[in-house]
Protein backbone atom coordinates (compact mmCIF):
# COMPACT_ATOMS: atom_id res chain seq x y z
CA UNK A 1 0.00 0.00 0.00
CA UNK A 2 1.31 3.46 -0.87
CA UNK A 3 0.59 5.60 2.17
CA UNK A 4 -0.06 9.27 1.28
CA UNK A 5 2.87 11.46 2.27
CA UNK A 6 0.53 13.97 3.91
CA UNK A 7 -0.32 11.38 6.53
CA UNK A 8 3.25 10.38 7.38
CA UNK A 9 5.00 13.72 7.18
CA UNK A 10 4.65 16.29 9.96
CA UNK A 11 5.93 19.56 8.48
CA UNK A 12 3.46 21.72 10.38
CA UNK A 13 4.27 20.00 13.68
CA UNK A 14 8.07 20.04 13.44
CA UNK A 15 9.73 22.15 16.11
CA UNK A 16 6.48 22.60 18.06
CA UNK A 17 6.30 21.41 21.64
CA UNK A 18 4.49 22.14 24.86
CA UNK A 19 7.53 24.21 25.90
CA UNK A 20 6.35 26.95 23.54
CA UNK A 21 3.42 27.60 25.86
CA UNK A 22 4.90 26.49 29.20
CA UNK A 23 8.04 28.67 29.08
CA UNK A 24 7.76 31.70 31.36
CA UNK A 25 9.28 35.11 30.77
CA UNK A 26 11.76 36.69 33.17
CA UNK A 27 10.13 40.08 33.64
CA UNK A 28 9.72 42.37 36.64
CA UNK A 29 6.39 43.74 37.78
CA UNK A 30 4.96 47.03 38.93
CA UNK A 31 1.66 47.37 40.76
CA UNK A 32 1.80 43.68 41.62
CA UNK A 33 -0.51 43.17 44.55
CA UNK A 34 0.16 40.71 47.34
CA UNK A 35 -1.75 37.42 47.14
CA UNK A 36 -5.24 37.41 48.58
CA UNK A 37 -8.46 39.33 48.09
CA UNK A 38 -10.12 42.00 50.20
CA UNK A 39 -11.65 45.45 49.71
CA UNK A 40 -8.27 47.18 49.55
CA UNK A 41 -7.22 44.97 46.60
CA UNK A 42 -10.41 45.82 44.71
CA UNK A 43 -9.93 49.54 45.35
CA UNK A 44 -6.32 49.36 44.13
CA UNK A 45 -7.36 47.63 40.89
CA UNK A 46 -10.04 50.25 40.26
CA UNK A 47 -7.62 53.10 40.99
CA UNK A 48 -4.94 51.61 38.71
CA UNK A 49 -7.45 51.66 35.85
CA UNK A 50 -8.70 55.19 36.67
CA UNK A 51 -12.32 54.03 36.79
CA UNK A 52 -15.53 55.97 37.45
CA UNK A 53 -17.29 55.63 40.80
CA UNK A 54 -20.09 53.41 39.46
CA UNK A 55 -17.56 50.77 38.41
CA UNK A 56 -15.90 50.81 41.85
CA UNK A 57 -19.35 50.38 43.41
CA UNK A 58 -19.99 47.45 41.05
CA UNK A 59 -16.70 45.87 42.07
CA UNK A 60 -17.38 46.21 45.79
CA UNK A 61 -20.88 44.76 45.49
CA UNK A 62 -19.46 41.87 43.44
CA UNK A 63 -16.88 41.27 46.17
CA UNK A 64 -19.61 41.07 48.79
CA UNK A 65 -21.54 38.51 46.72
CA UNK A 66 -18.35 36.54 46.05
CA UNK A 67 -17.68 36.10 49.76
CA UNK A 68 -21.28 34.94 50.32
CA UNK A 69 -21.50 32.35 47.56
CA UNK A 70 -20.05 28.84 48.06
CA UNK A 71 -17.79 27.04 45.63
CA UNK A 72 -19.69 24.81 43.18
CA UNK A 73 -19.66 21.17 44.26
CA UNK A 74 -21.41 19.54 41.28
CA UNK A 75 -18.39 19.51 38.94
CA UNK A 76 -14.64 18.89 39.21
CA UNK A 77 -12.90 19.00 42.57
CA UNK A 78 -11.88 22.61 43.32
CA UNK A 79 -10.45 21.95 46.78
CA UNK A 80 -6.90 22.40 45.48
CA UNK A 81 -7.59 26.00 44.43
CA UNK A 82 -6.38 28.34 47.17
CA UNK A 83 -8.07 31.64 46.36
CA UNK A 84 -6.06 33.32 49.10
CA UNK A 85 -2.78 32.50 47.31
CA UNK A 86 -3.73 34.03 43.95
CA UNK A 87 -2.25 37.35 42.81
CA UNK A 88 -5.26 39.20 41.39
CA UNK A 89 -3.45 41.99 39.55
CA UNK A 90 -0.01 42.19 37.93
CA UNK A 91 1.44 44.56 35.33
CA UNK A 92 4.90 44.09 33.83
CA UNK A 93 7.18 47.01 34.69
CA UNK A 94 8.41 47.53 31.11
CA UNK A 95 5.01 47.74 29.39
CA UNK A 96 3.23 50.73 27.97
CA UNK A 97 -0.52 50.25 28.07
CA UNK A 98 -2.38 49.62 24.82
CA UNK A 99 0.28 50.69 22.32
CA UNK A 100 -0.54 50.53 18.60
CA UNK A 101 2.97 49.53 17.46
CA UNK A 102 4.72 46.23 18.15
CA UNK A 103 7.98 48.20 18.28
CA UNK A 104 6.74 49.82 21.50
CA UNK A 105 6.09 46.46 23.20
CA UNK A 106 9.07 45.44 25.41
CA UNK A 107 11.39 43.02 23.65
CA UNK A 108 10.87 40.06 26.02
CA UNK A 109 7.10 40.35 25.86
CA UNK A 110 7.07 40.97 22.11
CA UNK A 111 9.21 37.84 21.64
CA UNK A 112 6.54 35.77 23.42
CA UNK A 113 3.82 36.97 21.05
CA UNK A 114 6.18 36.46 18.10
CA UNK A 115 6.67 32.82 19.11
CA UNK A 116 2.91 32.43 19.31
CA UNK A 117 2.57 33.86 15.79
CA UNK A 118 0.31 36.80 16.63
CA UNK A 119 2.08 39.59 14.67
CA UNK A 120 2.44 37.30 11.64
CA UNK A 121 -1.28 36.42 11.74
CA UNK A 122 -2.09 40.13 11.93
CA UNK A 123 -0.08 40.80 8.77
CA UNK A 124 -1.66 37.91 6.85
CA UNK A 125 -5.31 37.53 7.72
CA UNK A 126 -6.58 39.75 10.54
CA UNK A 127 -8.47 43.04 10.50
CA UNK A 128 -7.32 43.85 14.03
CA UNK A 129 -5.38 42.42 16.98
CA UNK A 130 -5.37 42.85 20.73
CA UNK A 131 -2.70 41.42 23.05
CA UNK A 132 -2.88 41.26 26.84
CA UNK A 133 -0.02 40.30 29.17
CA UNK A 134 -1.20 39.37 32.68
CA UNK A 135 -3.52 42.20 33.82
CA UNK A 136 -2.73 44.77 31.12
CA UNK A 137 -3.36 45.14 27.40
CA UNK A 138 -0.01 45.80 25.71
CA UNK A 139 -1.09 46.14 22.08
CA UNK A 140 -4.21 46.95 20.05
CA UNK A 141 -4.74 47.66 16.37
CA UNK A 142 -7.62 47.99 13.91
CA UNK A 143 -7.60 48.69 10.19
CA UNK A 144 -8.36 52.32 9.41
CA UNK A 145 -11.24 51.52 7.03
CA UNK A 146 -13.08 49.84 9.92
CA UNK A 147 -12.41 52.80 12.20
CA UNK A 148 -13.92 55.00 9.52
CA UNK A 149 -17.08 52.86 9.61
CA UNK A 150 -17.43 53.36 13.36
CA UNK A 151 -16.09 50.00 14.54
CA UNK A 152 -14.59 50.14 18.02
CA UNK A 153 -12.01 47.48 18.92
CA UNK A 154 -10.01 48.27 22.04
CA UNK A 155 -9.09 47.24 25.56
CA UNK A 156 -11.98 47.22 28.05
CA UNK A 157 -10.23 49.65 30.41
CA UNK A 158 -9.77 52.12 27.55
CA UNK A 159 -13.38 51.63 26.46
CA UNK A 160 -14.58 52.36 29.99
CA UNK A 161 -12.91 55.77 29.83
CA UNK A 162 -13.63 56.67 26.20
CA UNK A 163 -17.09 55.07 25.75
CA UNK A 164 -18.35 55.03 29.30
CA UNK A 165 -22.10 55.21 28.66
CA UNK A 166 -21.98 52.43 26.07
CA UNK A 167 -20.00 50.19 28.43
CA UNK A 168 -22.28 51.00 31.34
CA UNK A 169 -25.35 50.05 29.30
CA UNK A 170 -24.04 46.52 28.63
CA UNK A 171 -21.42 45.61 31.24
CA UNK A 172 -22.41 42.39 33.08
CA UNK A 173 -26.01 42.65 31.90
CA UNK A 174 -25.68 39.33 30.07
CA UNK A 175 -23.89 37.61 32.97
CA UNK A 176 -24.85 39.36 36.22
CA UNK A 177 -22.57 39.34 39.25
CA UNK A 178 -24.92 37.09 41.24
CA UNK A 179 -24.92 34.37 38.55
CA UNK A 180 -22.34 32.23 40.38
CA UNK A 181 -19.29 32.60 42.63
CA UNK A 182 -16.77 33.12 39.85
CA UNK A 183 -18.97 35.63 38.01
CA UNK A 184 -18.98 37.62 41.25
CA UNK A 185 -15.20 37.23 41.56
CA UNK A 186 -14.80 38.46 37.99
CA UNK A 187 -17.01 41.45 38.67
CA UNK A 188 -14.76 42.39 41.58
CA UNK A 189 -11.29 41.98 40.04
CA UNK A 190 -11.62 42.08 36.22
CA UNK A 191 -8.77 43.72 34.29
CA UNK A 192 -8.27 44.26 30.57
CA UNK A 193 -10.06 42.28 27.93
CA UNK A 194 -11.75 43.31 24.69
CA UNK A 195 -14.44 45.80 23.81
CA UNK A 196 -15.81 45.24 20.28
CA UNK A 197 -18.62 47.37 18.89
CA UNK A 198 -19.87 46.79 15.32
CA UNK A 199 -22.32 49.47 14.08
CA UNK A 200 -25.53 48.61 12.24
CA UNK A 201 -25.01 47.32 8.72
CA UNK A 202 -21.22 46.88 8.99
CA UNK A 203 -19.91 43.53 7.74
CA UNK A 204 -16.31 42.77 8.75
CA UNK A 205 -14.88 40.32 6.25
CA UNK A 206 -11.63 39.48 8.08
CA UNK A 207 -11.40 38.12 11.64
CA UNK A 208 -10.40 40.15 14.67
CA UNK A 209 -8.23 38.43 17.28
CA UNK A 210 -7.22 38.95 20.89
CA UNK A 211 -4.58 36.89 22.69
CA UNK A 212 -4.33 36.67 26.47
CA UNK A 213 -1.04 35.57 28.02
CA UNK A 214 -0.69 34.92 31.75
CA UNK A 215 2.92 34.93 33.02
CA UNK A 216 2.91 35.75 36.75
CA UNK A 217 3.46 32.92 39.25
CA UNK A 218 0.21 31.96 41.05
CA UNK A 219 -1.41 34.60 38.87
CA UNK A 220 -4.98 35.29 38.03
CA UNK A 221 -6.30 36.59 34.72
CA UNK A 222 -9.77 38.09 34.60
CA UNK A 223 -10.18 39.68 31.18
CA UNK A 224 -13.63 40.91 30.21
CA UNK A 225 -14.81 40.51 26.61
CA UNK A 226 -17.82 42.58 25.57
CA UNK A 227 -19.07 42.26 21.97
CA UNK A 228 -21.99 44.30 20.63
CA UNK A 229 -23.16 43.54 17.09
CA UNK A 230 -25.83 46.00 16.02
CA UNK A 231 -28.59 45.23 13.50
CA UNK A 232 -27.54 43.67 10.16
CA UNK A 233 -23.85 43.52 11.15
CA UNK A 234 -21.44 40.60 10.99
CA UNK A 235 -18.10 39.82 12.67
CA UNK A 236 -15.76 36.92 13.44
CA UNK A 237 -13.79 37.30 16.67
CA UNK A 238 -11.02 34.90 17.77
CA UNK A 239 -9.51 34.55 21.26
CA UNK A 240 -6.40 32.64 22.20
CA UNK A 241 -5.05 31.99 25.72
CA UNK A 242 -1.98 30.38 27.27
CA UNK A 243 0.11 30.36 30.46
CA UNK A 244 3.44 28.89 31.62
CA UNK A 245 3.85 26.08 34.10
CA UNK A 246 5.15 26.90 37.59
CA UNK A 247 4.02 24.04 39.81
CA UNK A 248 1.67 26.34 41.73
CA UNK A 249 -2.00 26.89 40.98
CA UNK A 250 -3.15 29.81 38.87
CA UNK A 251 -6.67 30.94 38.00
CA UNK A 252 -8.40 32.09 34.86
CA UNK A 253 -11.90 33.45 35.42
CA UNK A 254 -12.60 35.55 32.36
CA UNK A 255 -16.05 36.54 31.20
CA UNK A 256 -17.49 36.91 27.68
CA UNK A 257 -20.71 38.77 26.94
CA UNK A 258 -22.08 38.93 23.39
CA UNK A 259 -25.12 40.93 22.30
CA UNK A 260 -26.34 39.95 18.83
CA UNK A 261 -29.04 42.32 17.64
CA UNK A 262 -31.62 41.84 14.86
CA UNK A 263 -30.33 40.02 11.77
CA UNK A 264 -26.73 40.27 12.99
CA UNK A 265 -24.24 37.41 12.97
CA UNK A 266 -21.33 36.78 15.36
CA UNK A 267 -18.81 33.98 15.18
CA UNK A 268 -16.75 33.56 18.34
CA UNK A 269 -13.77 31.17 18.15
CA UNK A 270 -11.42 30.42 21.01
CA UNK A 271 -8.49 28.16 21.87
CA UNK A 272 -8.18 27.75 25.65
CA UNK A 273 -4.65 26.38 26.05
CA UNK A 274 -3.62 27.12 29.63
CA UNK A 275 -0.94 25.19 31.55
CA UNK A 276 -1.64 22.16 33.73
CA UNK A 277 -1.34 24.47 36.79
CA UNK A 278 -4.38 26.51 35.74
CA UNK A 279 -7.95 26.33 36.96
CA UNK A 280 -9.89 27.53 33.91
CA UNK A 281 -13.27 28.66 35.28
CA UNK A 282 -14.55 30.79 32.44
CA UNK A 283 -18.06 32.09 31.67
CA UNK A 284 -19.40 32.90 28.18
CA UNK A 285 -22.92 33.92 27.18
CA UNK A 286 -24.74 35.47 24.22
CA UNK A 287 -28.16 37.12 23.93
CA UNK A 288 -29.56 36.66 20.42
CA UNK A 289 -32.34 38.83 18.95
CA UNK A 290 -34.83 38.29 16.09
CA UNK A 291 -33.35 36.61 12.97
CA UNK A 292 -29.84 36.86 14.45
CA UNK A 293 -27.29 34.07 14.89
CA UNK A 294 -24.32 33.16 17.07
CA UNK A 295 -21.64 30.55 16.36
CA UNK A 296 -19.37 29.25 19.12
CA UNK A 297 -16.23 27.37 18.12
CA UNK A 298 -14.07 26.21 21.01
CA UNK A 299 -11.01 24.13 21.80
CA UNK A 300 -10.13 23.28 25.41
CA UNK A 301 -6.67 21.89 26.13
CA UNK A 302 -3.91 22.25 28.68
CA UNK A 303 -5.51 23.41 31.92
CA UNK A 304 -5.60 21.07 34.92
CA UNK A 305 -9.28 21.79 35.66
CA UNK A 306 -11.73 23.31 33.19
CA UNK A 307 -15.34 24.34 33.74
CA UNK A 308 -16.70 26.05 30.63
CA UNK A 309 -20.19 25.98 29.10
CA UNK A 310 -20.79 28.70 26.47
CA UNK A 311 -24.46 29.71 26.57
CA UNK A 312 -26.82 30.99 23.88
CA UNK A 313 -30.05 32.66 24.94
CA UNK A 314 -32.29 32.60 21.86
CA UNK A 315 -34.73 35.25 22.99
CA UNK A 316 -35.57 36.51 19.49
CA UNK A 317 -37.93 34.88 17.00
CA UNK A 318 -36.09 32.83 14.35
CA UNK A 319 -32.80 33.27 16.21
CA UNK A 320 -30.15 30.56 15.77
CA UNK A 321 -27.10 29.19 17.54
CA UNK A 322 -24.35 26.71 16.77
CA UNK A 323 -21.91 25.24 19.31
CA UNK A 324 -18.88 23.31 18.07
CA UNK A 325 -16.37 22.12 20.67
CA UNK A 326 -13.28 19.98 21.13
CA UNK A 327 -11.91 19.02 24.56
CA UNK A 328 -8.74 17.05 25.33
CA UNK A 329 -7.96 15.62 28.79
CA UNK A 330 -4.41 14.38 29.41
CA UNK A 331 -2.83 12.97 32.58
CA UNK A 332 -4.00 14.85 35.67
CA UNK A 333 -6.55 16.90 33.74
CA UNK A 334 -10.29 17.16 34.29
CA UNK A 335 -12.20 18.95 31.54
CA UNK A 336 -15.84 19.61 32.35
CA UNK A 337 -17.16 21.36 29.25
CA UNK A 338 -20.26 21.60 27.11
CA UNK A 339 -22.90 24.05 25.98
CA UNK A 340 -26.09 25.68 27.16
CA UNK A 341 -28.92 26.74 24.86
CA UNK A 342 -32.10 28.42 26.08
CA UNK A 343 -34.91 28.70 23.51
CA UNK A 344 -37.36 31.53 24.20
CA UNK A 345 -38.43 32.96 20.84
CA UNK A 346 -40.56 31.27 18.17
CA UNK A 347 -39.03 29.18 15.36
CA UNK A 348 -35.60 29.11 16.98
CA UNK A 349 -32.88 26.68 15.90
CA UNK A 350 -29.82 25.30 17.71
CA UNK A 351 -27.13 22.75 17.10
CA UNK A 352 -24.50 21.38 19.50
CA UNK A 353 -21.60 19.20 18.30
CA UNK A 354 -19.03 18.19 20.93
CA UNK A 355 -16.03 15.87 20.59
CA UNK A 356 -13.77 14.93 23.51
CA UNK A 357 -10.58 12.91 23.87
CA UNK A 358 -9.24 11.33 27.08
CA UNK A 359 -5.85 9.72 27.57
CA UNK A 360 -3.26 8.84 30.23
CA UNK A 361 -5.90 8.85 32.96
CA UNK A 362 -7.46 12.18 32.01
CA UNK A 363 -11.16 12.85 32.68
CA UNK A 364 -13.32 14.48 30.01
CA UNK A 365 -16.95 15.23 30.68
CA UNK A 366 -19.65 16.78 28.51
CA UNK A 367 -22.18 18.75 30.55
CA UNK A 368 -24.94 20.38 28.54
CA UNK A 369 -28.25 22.13 29.02
CA UNK A 370 -31.01 22.42 26.43
CA UNK A 371 -33.96 24.37 27.82
CA UNK A 372 -36.96 24.95 25.55
CA UNK A 373 -39.31 27.43 27.22
CA UNK A 374 -43.12 27.41 26.85
CA UNK A 375 -42.93 30.41 24.48
CA UNK A 376 -40.56 28.64 22.06
CA UNK A 377 -43.08 27.49 19.45
CA UNK A 378 -41.61 25.18 16.79
CA UNK A 379 -38.12 25.13 18.29
CA UNK A 380 -35.69 22.70 16.68
CA UNK A 381 -32.51 21.46 18.35
CA UNK A 382 -29.87 18.82 17.66
CA UNK A 383 -27.30 17.75 20.26
CA UNK A 384 -24.45 15.34 19.58
CA UNK A 385 -21.66 14.61 22.06
CA UNK A 386 -19.05 11.95 21.31
CA UNK A 387 -16.14 10.76 23.44
CA UNK A 388 -13.04 8.75 22.51
CA UNK A 389 -10.84 6.97 25.08
CA UNK A 390 -7.25 6.43 24.01
CA UNK A 391 -6.49 3.90 26.78
CA UNK A 392 -8.15 1.87 29.53
CA UNK A 393 -7.41 4.18 32.47
CA UNK A 394 -9.11 7.38 31.27
CA UNK A 395 -12.70 8.50 31.67
CA UNK A 396 -15.24 10.03 29.32
CA UNK A 397 -18.77 10.86 30.41
CA UNK A 398 -21.79 12.81 29.21
CA UNK A 399 -24.42 14.55 31.33
CA UNK A 400 -26.99 16.12 29.00
CA UNK A 401 -29.87 17.99 30.64
CA UNK A 402 -32.80 18.40 28.25
CA UNK A 403 -35.93 20.29 29.31
CA UNK A 404 -38.78 20.64 26.82
CA UNK A 405 -41.75 22.76 27.85
CA UNK A 406 -43.42 23.15 24.46
CA UNK A 407 -45.03 20.23 22.62
CA UNK A 408 -44.26 21.71 19.19
CA UNK A 409 -40.50 21.34 19.71
CA UNK A 410 -38.33 18.91 17.74
CA UNK A 411 -35.30 17.62 19.65
CA UNK A 412 -32.65 15.11 18.60
CA UNK A 413 -29.93 13.89 20.94
CA UNK A 414 -27.08 11.46 20.41
CA UNK A 415 -24.19 10.56 22.74
CA UNK A 416 -21.45 7.99 22.19
CA UNK A 417 -18.31 6.96 24.08
CA UNK A 418 -15.82 4.28 23.21
CA UNK A 419 -12.21 3.12 23.26
CA UNK A 420 -9.76 3.45 20.42
CA UNK A 421 -10.06 0.19 18.50
CA UNK A 422 -7.08 -2.16 18.89
CA UNK A 423 -8.17 -3.97 15.73
CA UNK A 424 -8.06 -0.80 13.63
CA UNK A 425 -4.69 0.11 15.18
CA UNK A 426 -3.32 -3.33 14.28
CA UNK A 427 -4.62 -3.05 10.72
CA UNK A 428 -3.12 0.41 10.15
CA UNK A 429 0.24 -0.65 11.60
CA UNK A 430 0.21 -3.73 9.39
CA UNK A 431 -0.08 -1.38 6.42
CA UNK A 432 3.14 0.41 7.34
CA UNK A 433 2.10 3.13 9.79
CA UNK A 434 3.80 3.61 13.14
CA UNK A 435 1.67 3.45 16.29
CA UNK A 436 1.73 7.25 16.60
CA UNK A 437 0.72 7.71 12.96
CA UNK A 438 -2.09 5.16 13.31
CA UNK A 439 -3.42 6.75 16.49
CA UNK A 440 -3.23 10.21 14.96
CA UNK A 441 -5.12 9.06 11.87
CA UNK A 442 -7.94 7.60 13.98
CA UNK A 443 -8.15 10.75 16.11
CA UNK A 444 -8.21 12.96 13.01
CA UNK A 445 -11.06 10.89 11.61
CA UNK A 446 -12.95 11.19 14.91
CA UNK A 447 -12.52 14.98 14.94
CA UNK A 448 -13.00 15.58 11.21
CA UNK A 449 -16.72 16.56 11.44
CA UNK A 450 -15.65 19.50 13.61
CA UNK A 451 -12.33 20.42 12.03
CA UNK A 452 -13.94 20.53 8.58
CA UNK A 453 -16.20 23.33 9.80
CA UNK A 454 -13.43 25.49 11.28
CA UNK A 455 -11.81 28.48 9.57
CA UNK A 456 -8.56 27.40 7.89
CA UNK A 457 -6.21 29.18 10.30
CA UNK A 458 -8.12 28.00 13.37
CA UNK A 459 -8.14 24.40 12.10
CA UNK A 460 -4.37 24.57 11.58
CA UNK A 461 -3.82 25.72 15.18
CA UNK A 462 -6.09 23.00 16.54
CA UNK A 463 -4.29 20.37 14.47
CA UNK A 464 -0.95 21.51 15.87
CA UNK A 465 -2.15 21.39 19.47
CA UNK A 466 -3.80 17.99 19.06
CA UNK A 467 -0.66 16.64 17.38
CA UNK A 468 1.36 17.79 20.41
CA UNK A 469 -1.01 15.87 22.67
CA UNK A 470 -0.79 12.78 20.48
CA UNK A 471 3.02 12.84 20.38
CA UNK A 472 3.03 12.69 24.18
CA UNK A 473 0.67 9.68 24.21
CA UNK A 474 3.16 7.24 22.71
CA UNK A 475 6.49 6.58 24.44
């Protein structure tokens, strides 16, 4: 048998290793607060960002709610997360906030983003880029023709000062501070993030991207992403995240709010690739109006514990949502991921497609909610969650929660879980493939329904990350 060269060769994977993401930078910090959280820490964060009084009041009320709410006990074990040991705010001494030139970003920090390919992606395919390092945005750009159309793409702290009323109208209205303990924590200590405003009728043909890098030991990153797509607009926004490995726990508790107004379309893609030290406890939610649509595309790798369930609230008639997700659990990792869809409007449509891999004792769990309200006449939803075990010591589970309160709804659900077939492995190896090549081929086939729907650049990044995981699975 003549095996295609594209299967055996690994040109896009050569030279790529986990060290690219796990290597930390030797930088000094200014305004780095001592570990722990109290009112003085919140006031210092607010003062450092030169915020209005209403935002400080919001932070303090969020802090009060955070202290009152218990840790969730229905998901992964969070007992190893010492919230008193986390540094909630850190800014590198050399940085200049929100510069528009890579030349003004300190050399060590710029080198990190260079290794991650962010400036190169900006030159080739992106309409705008944001880059955040720990608690501060260090770079932001947007093509002039989009500025001329009224598009706003900037750091949240800048937006709070320059577009205060617009921020105040939307900030934490999609995910309120009392939603859960980590939403309250975010409301108290958030720093940086992305503010994206797309005016009515503006269609952005090229993606916008923000990349969030956490470097501080025992650090916390709490970026806030707020996207507003006005009527008849369209945008594709991509987020990437990573952090080095220290051997001490760190925390990511970002928050994403997306408002999709009438006939607008938003595509949100993200690669969550934190280190094994990180507790990734992120919250993402979209409110979708009449005839509007939201697409979620997500990859979850790296972090020791993940709890992430992007949510679409289809409140408008004929509104639509699509959730496409990949999760990988390696040794010592517990990924608890899925999707939530709430149908409220008439003739709404949703689709959830989730694929998860578990290996070396990792635990991957799909946790989903489909809630069709009494008002959701003729709602249609399809949910598919599939798990693949690469050995006999890992776990893969699915916990779908489906609530149908309208008899006109049409709901389809499918869940599968199984081990990688030894017979297929033997056959492929008998045809000349190594064990790694055979395993990778099977995994690629398992993931192909999702990867085929991804944007080209996003699919390439996911392929690289998955290949890294596969290379570590065969000794």
